[in-house]
N, C-alpha and C. Protein backbone atom coordinates (compact mmCIF):
# COMPACT_ATOMS: atom_id res chain seq x y z
N MET A 1 46.29 -14.76 -232.76
CA MET A 1 45.09 -15.20 -232.07
C MET A 1 44.58 -14.06 -231.19
N GLU A 2 43.31 -13.79 -231.27
CA GLU A 2 42.70 -12.74 -230.46
C GLU A 2 42.65 -13.16 -229.00
N PRO A 3 42.98 -12.24 -228.09
CA PRO A 3 42.92 -12.61 -226.68
C PRO A 3 41.49 -12.87 -226.24
N GLY A 4 41.36 -13.72 -225.25
CA GLY A 4 40.04 -14.04 -224.73
C GLY A 4 40.11 -15.15 -223.72
N ILE A 5 38.98 -15.75 -223.46
CA ILE A 5 38.85 -16.81 -222.46
C ILE A 5 38.11 -17.98 -223.08
N SER A 6 38.55 -19.18 -222.77
CA SER A 6 37.84 -20.39 -223.17
C SER A 6 37.90 -21.35 -221.99
N ILE A 7 36.72 -21.78 -221.52
CA ILE A 7 36.63 -22.69 -220.38
C ILE A 7 35.62 -23.78 -220.73
N THR A 8 36.00 -25.02 -220.47
CA THR A 8 35.08 -26.14 -220.63
C THR A 8 34.87 -26.75 -219.25
N ARG A 9 33.61 -26.98 -218.93
CA ARG A 9 33.27 -27.48 -217.58
C ARG A 9 32.08 -28.42 -217.72
N THR A 10 32.04 -29.46 -216.90
CA THR A 10 30.93 -30.41 -216.90
C THR A 10 30.13 -30.24 -215.61
N PHE A 11 28.80 -30.21 -215.78
CA PHE A 11 27.89 -30.08 -214.64
C PHE A 11 27.00 -31.31 -214.57
N ALA A 12 26.71 -31.76 -213.37
CA ALA A 12 25.82 -32.91 -213.16
C ALA A 12 24.37 -32.43 -213.18
N ALA A 13 23.96 -31.96 -214.36
CA ALA A 13 22.60 -31.44 -214.56
C ALA A 13 22.30 -31.53 -216.05
N THR A 14 21.03 -31.44 -216.39
CA THR A 14 20.64 -31.50 -217.80
C THR A 14 21.00 -30.19 -218.51
N PRO A 15 21.14 -30.22 -219.83
CA PRO A 15 21.35 -28.97 -220.56
C PRO A 15 20.24 -27.95 -220.28
N ALA A 16 18.99 -28.41 -220.14
CA ALA A 16 17.88 -27.49 -219.86
C ALA A 16 18.08 -26.79 -218.52
N ALA A 17 18.56 -27.50 -217.51
CA ALA A 17 18.77 -26.90 -216.19
C ALA A 17 19.92 -25.89 -216.23
N VAL A 18 20.99 -26.22 -216.95
CA VAL A 18 22.12 -25.28 -217.06
C VAL A 18 21.69 -24.05 -217.85
N PHE A 19 20.96 -24.27 -218.94
CA PHE A 19 20.46 -23.15 -219.75
C PHE A 19 19.58 -22.23 -218.90
N ALA A 20 18.71 -22.81 -218.09
CA ALA A 20 17.83 -22.00 -217.23
C ALA A 20 18.64 -21.20 -216.22
N ALA A 21 19.72 -21.77 -215.71
CA ALA A 21 20.55 -21.03 -214.75
C ALA A 21 21.20 -19.81 -215.38
N TRP A 22 21.41 -19.85 -216.69
CA TRP A 22 21.95 -18.70 -217.43
C TRP A 22 20.89 -17.69 -217.82
N THR A 23 19.65 -18.12 -217.95
CA THR A 23 18.62 -17.25 -218.55
C THR A 23 17.48 -16.85 -217.61
N ASP A 24 17.49 -17.33 -216.40
CA ASP A 24 16.48 -16.96 -215.40
C ASP A 24 17.17 -16.04 -214.38
N GLY A 25 16.71 -14.80 -214.29
CA GLY A 25 17.35 -13.82 -213.43
C GLY A 25 17.48 -14.26 -211.98
N ALA A 26 16.46 -14.93 -211.44
CA ALA A 26 16.51 -15.38 -210.06
C ALA A 26 17.63 -16.39 -209.84
N GLN A 27 17.89 -17.23 -210.83
CA GLN A 27 18.99 -18.19 -210.72
C GLN A 27 20.33 -17.52 -211.03
N LEU A 28 20.37 -16.70 -212.05
CA LEU A 28 21.62 -16.05 -212.46
C LEU A 28 22.25 -15.27 -211.31
N VAL A 29 21.46 -14.51 -210.59
CA VAL A 29 22.00 -13.68 -209.51
C VAL A 29 22.54 -14.52 -208.36
N ARG A 30 22.13 -15.76 -208.25
CA ARG A 30 22.62 -16.63 -207.17
C ARG A 30 24.02 -17.14 -207.42
N TRP A 31 24.44 -17.21 -208.69
CA TRP A 31 25.79 -17.72 -208.95
C TRP A 31 26.70 -16.71 -209.64
N PHE A 32 26.16 -15.72 -210.30
CA PHE A 32 26.95 -14.75 -211.06
C PHE A 32 27.28 -13.55 -210.16
N ALA A 33 27.93 -13.86 -209.04
CA ALA A 33 28.29 -12.85 -208.05
C ALA A 33 29.38 -13.43 -207.15
N PRO A 34 30.20 -12.57 -206.58
CA PRO A 34 31.18 -13.08 -205.61
C PRO A 34 30.48 -13.65 -204.38
N PRO A 35 31.14 -14.55 -203.65
CA PRO A 35 30.55 -15.09 -202.42
C PRO A 35 30.18 -13.95 -201.46
N GLY A 36 29.02 -14.06 -200.85
CA GLY A 36 28.57 -13.06 -199.90
C GLY A 36 27.85 -11.88 -200.52
N PHE A 37 27.78 -11.83 -201.84
CA PHE A 37 27.10 -10.73 -202.53
C PHE A 37 25.68 -11.14 -202.89
N THR A 38 24.77 -10.20 -202.86
CA THR A 38 23.39 -10.42 -203.29
C THR A 38 23.02 -9.29 -204.25
N GLY A 39 21.91 -9.44 -204.93
CA GLY A 39 21.50 -8.39 -205.85
C GLY A 39 20.33 -8.79 -206.71
N THR A 40 20.34 -8.25 -207.91
CA THR A 40 19.26 -8.52 -208.85
C THR A 40 19.84 -8.82 -210.23
N ALA A 41 19.06 -9.56 -211.00
CA ALA A 41 19.42 -9.83 -212.38
C ALA A 41 18.13 -9.93 -213.18
N THR A 42 18.18 -9.46 -214.40
CA THR A 42 17.05 -9.59 -215.31
C THR A 42 17.55 -10.24 -216.59
N CYS A 43 16.70 -11.06 -217.18
CA CYS A 43 17.05 -11.78 -218.40
C CYS A 43 15.85 -11.81 -219.32
N ASP A 44 15.94 -11.16 -220.46
CA ASP A 44 14.93 -11.25 -221.51
C ASP A 44 15.56 -12.09 -222.61
N ALA A 45 15.59 -13.40 -222.37
CA ALA A 45 16.36 -14.34 -223.18
C ALA A 45 15.72 -14.60 -224.55
N ARG A 46 15.87 -13.62 -225.41
CA ARG A 46 15.46 -13.74 -226.82
C ARG A 46 16.43 -12.88 -227.61
N VAL A 47 16.59 -13.17 -228.88
CA VAL A 47 17.50 -12.39 -229.70
C VAL A 47 17.08 -10.93 -229.64
N GLY A 48 18.02 -10.07 -229.29
CA GLY A 48 17.75 -8.65 -229.11
C GLY A 48 17.31 -8.27 -227.72
N GLY A 49 17.00 -9.27 -226.88
CA GLY A 49 16.59 -9.01 -225.50
C GLY A 49 17.77 -8.57 -224.65
N LEU A 50 17.48 -7.88 -223.57
CA LEU A 50 18.51 -7.35 -222.69
C LEU A 50 18.66 -8.21 -221.44
N TRP A 51 19.86 -8.22 -220.89
CA TRP A 51 20.10 -8.84 -219.60
C TRP A 51 20.94 -7.87 -218.76
N SER A 52 20.81 -7.98 -217.44
CA SER A 52 21.63 -7.16 -216.56
C SER A 52 21.77 -7.85 -215.21
N SER A 53 22.84 -7.48 -214.51
CA SER A 53 23.09 -8.01 -213.18
C SER A 53 23.79 -6.94 -212.36
N GLU A 54 23.33 -6.76 -211.14
CA GLU A 54 23.99 -5.85 -210.20
C GLU A 54 23.98 -6.50 -208.84
N THR A 55 25.16 -6.58 -208.23
CA THR A 55 25.27 -7.20 -206.92
C THR A 55 26.08 -6.31 -205.99
N GLY A 56 25.98 -6.60 -204.72
CA GLY A 56 26.72 -5.84 -203.73
C GLY A 56 26.79 -6.57 -202.42
N ASN A 57 27.58 -6.02 -201.51
CA ASN A 57 27.75 -6.57 -200.18
C ASN A 57 27.96 -5.38 -199.24
N ALA A 58 27.12 -5.28 -198.22
CA ALA A 58 27.19 -4.13 -197.30
C ALA A 58 28.55 -4.00 -196.62
N ASP A 59 29.28 -5.10 -196.49
CA ASP A 59 30.60 -5.06 -195.85
C ASP A 59 31.67 -4.46 -196.75
N VAL A 60 31.41 -4.42 -198.05
CA VAL A 60 32.36 -3.82 -199.01
C VAL A 60 31.57 -2.92 -199.96
N PRO A 61 31.05 -1.80 -199.45
CA PRO A 61 30.14 -0.96 -200.25
C PRO A 61 30.79 -0.33 -201.48
N HIS A 62 32.10 -0.29 -201.54
CA HIS A 62 32.78 0.29 -202.70
C HIS A 62 32.85 -0.67 -203.89
N ILE A 63 32.47 -1.92 -203.69
CA ILE A 63 32.47 -2.91 -204.78
C ILE A 63 31.02 -3.26 -205.11
N LYS A 64 30.58 -2.90 -206.31
CA LYS A 64 29.21 -3.19 -206.77
C LYS A 64 29.30 -3.69 -208.22
N PRO A 65 29.61 -4.98 -208.40
CA PRO A 65 29.70 -5.49 -209.77
C PRO A 65 28.40 -5.29 -210.56
N ARG A 66 28.51 -4.65 -211.71
CA ARG A 66 27.36 -4.43 -212.60
C ARG A 66 27.76 -4.84 -214.01
N PHE A 67 26.89 -5.59 -214.64
CA PHE A 67 27.11 -6.05 -216.01
C PHE A 67 25.80 -5.95 -216.76
N HIS A 68 25.88 -5.83 -218.07
CA HIS A 68 24.67 -5.85 -218.89
C HIS A 68 25.06 -6.22 -220.31
N GLY A 69 24.04 -6.53 -221.11
CA GLY A 69 24.30 -6.88 -222.49
C GLY A 69 23.02 -7.19 -223.26
N VAL A 70 23.25 -7.67 -224.47
CA VAL A 70 22.17 -7.99 -225.41
C VAL A 70 22.36 -9.43 -225.89
N TYR A 71 21.27 -10.18 -225.90
CA TYR A 71 21.34 -11.55 -226.44
C TYR A 71 21.46 -11.50 -227.95
N ARG A 72 22.44 -12.22 -228.49
CA ARG A 72 22.64 -12.30 -229.94
C ARG A 72 22.12 -13.61 -230.52
N GLU A 73 22.24 -14.69 -229.75
CA GLU A 73 21.73 -16.00 -230.15
C GLU A 73 21.10 -16.65 -228.93
N VAL A 74 19.95 -17.25 -229.12
CA VAL A 74 19.28 -17.99 -228.04
C VAL A 74 18.69 -19.24 -228.68
N GLU A 75 19.32 -20.37 -228.41
CA GLU A 75 18.86 -21.66 -228.94
C GLU A 75 18.72 -22.61 -227.76
N ALA A 76 17.57 -22.54 -227.08
CA ALA A 76 17.35 -23.37 -225.89
C ALA A 76 17.31 -24.84 -226.28
N PRO A 77 17.93 -25.72 -225.53
CA PRO A 77 18.80 -25.47 -224.39
C PRO A 77 20.28 -25.68 -224.73
N THR A 78 20.70 -25.33 -225.93
CA THR A 78 22.06 -25.69 -226.33
C THR A 78 23.03 -24.53 -226.56
N ARG A 79 22.53 -23.31 -226.79
CA ARG A 79 23.47 -22.24 -227.12
C ARG A 79 22.94 -20.87 -226.73
N LEU A 80 23.85 -20.08 -226.19
CA LEU A 80 23.60 -18.66 -225.92
C LEU A 80 24.80 -17.87 -226.43
N ALA A 81 24.52 -16.73 -226.99
CA ALA A 81 25.57 -15.77 -227.30
C ALA A 81 25.03 -14.41 -226.91
N PHE A 82 25.83 -13.65 -226.19
CA PHE A 82 25.37 -12.34 -225.73
C PHE A 82 26.56 -11.42 -225.52
N THR A 83 26.28 -10.13 -225.54
CA THR A 83 27.33 -9.17 -225.25
C THR A 83 27.43 -9.00 -223.74
N LEU A 84 28.61 -8.59 -223.32
CA LEU A 84 28.90 -8.34 -221.91
C LEU A 84 29.59 -6.99 -221.83
N SER A 85 28.95 -6.06 -221.11
CA SER A 85 29.49 -4.72 -220.95
C SER A 85 29.44 -4.33 -219.49
N VAL A 86 30.32 -3.40 -219.14
CA VAL A 86 30.35 -2.82 -217.81
C VAL A 86 29.96 -1.35 -217.97
N PRO A 87 28.99 -0.87 -217.18
CA PRO A 87 28.58 0.53 -217.32
C PRO A 87 29.78 1.48 -217.21
N ASP A 88 29.77 2.51 -218.01
CA ASP A 88 30.80 3.55 -218.00
C ASP A 88 32.18 3.08 -218.45
N GLU A 89 32.26 1.91 -219.07
CA GLU A 89 33.52 1.45 -219.64
C GLU A 89 33.30 1.19 -221.12
N PRO A 90 34.27 1.56 -221.95
CA PRO A 90 34.09 1.38 -223.40
C PRO A 90 34.18 -0.08 -223.81
N GLY A 91 33.55 -0.37 -224.93
CA GLY A 91 33.65 -1.70 -225.54
C GLY A 91 32.73 -2.72 -224.91
N GLU A 92 32.59 -3.80 -225.64
CA GLU A 92 31.80 -4.92 -225.14
C GLU A 92 32.50 -6.19 -225.56
N GLU A 93 32.27 -7.21 -224.80
CA GLU A 93 32.80 -8.54 -225.08
C GLU A 93 31.66 -9.39 -225.62
N LEU A 94 32.01 -10.42 -226.37
CA LEU A 94 31.01 -11.39 -226.82
C LEU A 94 31.25 -12.67 -226.05
N VAL A 95 30.19 -13.16 -225.42
CA VAL A 95 30.24 -14.41 -224.66
C VAL A 95 29.41 -15.44 -225.40
N THR A 96 29.94 -16.65 -225.52
CA THR A 96 29.15 -17.77 -226.05
C THR A 96 29.16 -18.89 -225.02
N VAL A 97 28.02 -19.54 -224.91
CA VAL A 97 27.85 -20.67 -224.00
C VAL A 97 27.22 -21.79 -224.83
N ASP A 98 27.98 -22.85 -225.04
CA ASP A 98 27.47 -24.02 -225.76
C ASP A 98 27.30 -25.16 -224.77
N LEU A 99 26.14 -25.79 -224.81
CA LEU A 99 25.79 -26.86 -223.87
C LEU A 99 25.50 -28.14 -224.64
N ALA A 100 26.11 -29.23 -224.20
CA ALA A 100 25.89 -30.53 -224.84
C ALA A 100 25.71 -31.59 -223.77
N ALA A 101 24.71 -32.44 -223.97
CA ALA A 101 24.50 -33.55 -223.05
C ALA A 101 25.73 -34.44 -223.06
N SER A 102 26.10 -34.93 -221.88
CA SER A 102 27.23 -35.85 -221.75
C SER A 102 26.83 -36.92 -220.74
N PRO A 103 27.58 -38.01 -220.67
CA PRO A 103 27.24 -39.05 -219.69
C PRO A 103 27.20 -38.52 -218.25
N GLU A 104 27.99 -37.48 -217.97
CA GLU A 104 28.04 -36.91 -216.62
C GLU A 104 26.97 -35.85 -216.39
N GLY A 105 26.27 -35.43 -217.44
CA GLY A 105 25.26 -34.38 -217.33
C GLY A 105 25.31 -33.44 -218.51
N THR A 106 26.03 -32.32 -218.35
CA THR A 106 26.14 -31.33 -219.43
C THR A 106 27.56 -30.81 -219.51
N GLU A 107 28.11 -30.84 -220.71
CA GLU A 107 29.40 -30.20 -220.94
C GLU A 107 29.13 -28.80 -221.44
N MET A 108 29.68 -27.81 -220.75
CA MET A 108 29.54 -26.42 -221.14
C MET A 108 30.86 -25.92 -221.68
N THR A 109 30.81 -25.33 -222.87
CA THR A 109 31.97 -24.65 -223.43
C THR A 109 31.66 -23.17 -223.44
N PHE A 110 32.46 -22.43 -222.70
CA PHE A 110 32.28 -21.00 -222.50
C PHE A 110 33.43 -20.26 -223.18
N THR A 111 33.10 -19.22 -223.93
CA THR A 111 34.13 -18.36 -224.49
C THR A 111 33.75 -16.90 -224.27
N GLN A 112 34.77 -16.08 -224.11
CA GLN A 112 34.60 -14.63 -224.03
C GLN A 112 35.73 -14.00 -224.82
N GLY A 113 35.38 -13.07 -225.68
CA GLY A 113 36.39 -12.37 -226.46
C GLY A 113 35.86 -11.05 -226.95
N GLY A 114 36.71 -10.34 -227.60
CA GLY A 114 36.34 -9.04 -228.12
C GLY A 114 37.53 -8.10 -228.19
N GLY A 115 38.60 -8.51 -227.49
CA GLY A 115 39.82 -7.72 -227.54
C GLY A 115 39.76 -6.42 -226.76
N ASN A 116 38.79 -6.26 -225.88
CA ASN A 116 38.66 -5.02 -225.12
C ASN A 116 39.48 -5.01 -223.84
N LEU A 117 40.05 -6.14 -223.47
CA LEU A 117 40.81 -6.25 -222.24
C LEU A 117 42.26 -6.59 -222.55
N PRO A 118 43.20 -6.06 -221.76
CA PRO A 118 44.59 -6.50 -221.93
C PRO A 118 44.73 -7.95 -221.44
N PRO A 119 45.78 -8.65 -221.86
CA PRO A 119 45.93 -10.07 -221.49
C PRO A 119 45.83 -10.34 -219.99
N ASP A 120 46.40 -9.48 -219.15
CA ASP A 120 46.32 -9.73 -217.71
C ASP A 120 44.89 -9.61 -217.19
N GLU A 121 44.08 -8.75 -217.81
CA GLU A 121 42.68 -8.64 -217.41
C GLU A 121 41.90 -9.89 -217.82
N TYR A 122 42.22 -10.45 -218.99
CA TYR A 122 41.56 -11.70 -219.37
C TYR A 122 41.91 -12.81 -218.38
N MET A 123 43.15 -12.82 -217.89
CA MET A 123 43.53 -13.83 -216.90
C MET A 123 42.73 -13.65 -215.62
N ARG A 124 42.56 -12.40 -215.16
CA ARG A 124 41.76 -12.15 -213.95
C ARG A 124 40.29 -12.50 -214.20
N ALA A 125 39.79 -12.15 -215.37
CA ALA A 125 38.40 -12.47 -215.70
C ALA A 125 38.18 -13.98 -215.73
N ALA A 126 39.14 -14.72 -216.27
CA ALA A 126 39.02 -16.18 -216.31
C ALA A 126 38.94 -16.75 -214.90
N SER A 127 39.74 -16.21 -213.99
CA SER A 127 39.68 -16.66 -212.59
C SER A 127 38.31 -16.35 -211.99
N GLY A 128 37.77 -15.19 -212.32
CA GLY A 128 36.43 -14.83 -211.85
C GLY A 128 35.37 -15.78 -212.38
N TRP A 129 35.46 -16.08 -213.68
CA TRP A 129 34.49 -17.01 -214.25
C TRP A 129 34.60 -18.39 -213.60
N GLU A 130 35.82 -18.86 -213.34
CA GLU A 130 35.99 -20.16 -212.68
C GLU A 130 35.30 -20.16 -211.31
N MET A 131 35.43 -19.05 -210.57
CA MET A 131 34.75 -18.93 -209.28
C MET A 131 33.23 -18.97 -209.48
N PHE A 132 32.74 -18.19 -210.47
CA PHE A 132 31.30 -18.19 -210.73
C PHE A 132 30.83 -19.59 -211.10
N PHE A 133 31.60 -20.29 -211.93
CA PHE A 133 31.16 -21.63 -212.35
C PHE A 133 31.17 -22.62 -211.19
N GLY A 134 32.02 -22.43 -210.20
CA GLY A 134 31.96 -23.23 -208.99
C GLY A 134 30.65 -22.99 -208.25
N ARG A 135 30.22 -21.73 -208.21
CA ARG A 135 28.94 -21.39 -207.59
C ARG A 135 27.77 -21.94 -208.41
N LEU A 136 27.91 -21.91 -209.74
CA LEU A 136 26.88 -22.49 -210.61
C LEU A 136 26.77 -24.00 -210.36
N ASP A 137 27.90 -24.66 -210.23
CA ASP A 137 27.90 -26.09 -209.96
C ASP A 137 27.17 -26.39 -208.64
N ALA A 138 27.45 -25.58 -207.62
CA ALA A 138 26.77 -25.77 -206.33
C ALA A 138 25.26 -25.56 -206.46
N LEU A 139 24.87 -24.54 -207.21
CA LEU A 139 23.44 -24.28 -207.43
C LEU A 139 22.78 -25.45 -208.13
N LEU A 140 23.42 -25.97 -209.16
CA LEU A 140 22.84 -27.06 -209.94
C LEU A 140 22.83 -28.39 -209.18
N SER A 141 23.70 -28.51 -208.21
CA SER A 141 23.79 -29.75 -207.42
C SER A 141 22.74 -29.84 -206.33
N ARG A 142 22.04 -28.74 -206.07
CA ARG A 142 21.00 -28.75 -205.01
C ARG A 142 19.79 -29.54 -205.43
């Protein structure tokens, strides 16, 4: 089995609202960052379109998370697939986000893989995603 991450989470929001939080830069930057970090994100949510995110915190200037990628699949409001890369690091990961309406709102199935990270890095990345998804839940609950 190829190493990677798989997370299923339910949000009390419609699939369209969750999809928008993934594909609207103004929303993405609010949850796709560590607590206390601010920044910018751009999303050209179409097949072949580019996305990027850069955040920072003046109290920890040596940490500036930056990510970018290319959309591979965009099926609003049920599916996204895109690459995830870090500048100046080799390789890219493939992320898929599947959204399905559920009685509680939306069930999101998230996967990340590509084999570019050692198993311990996938474990750290999974913890990071769980933190981000907590922030996404808070954003969607407003």
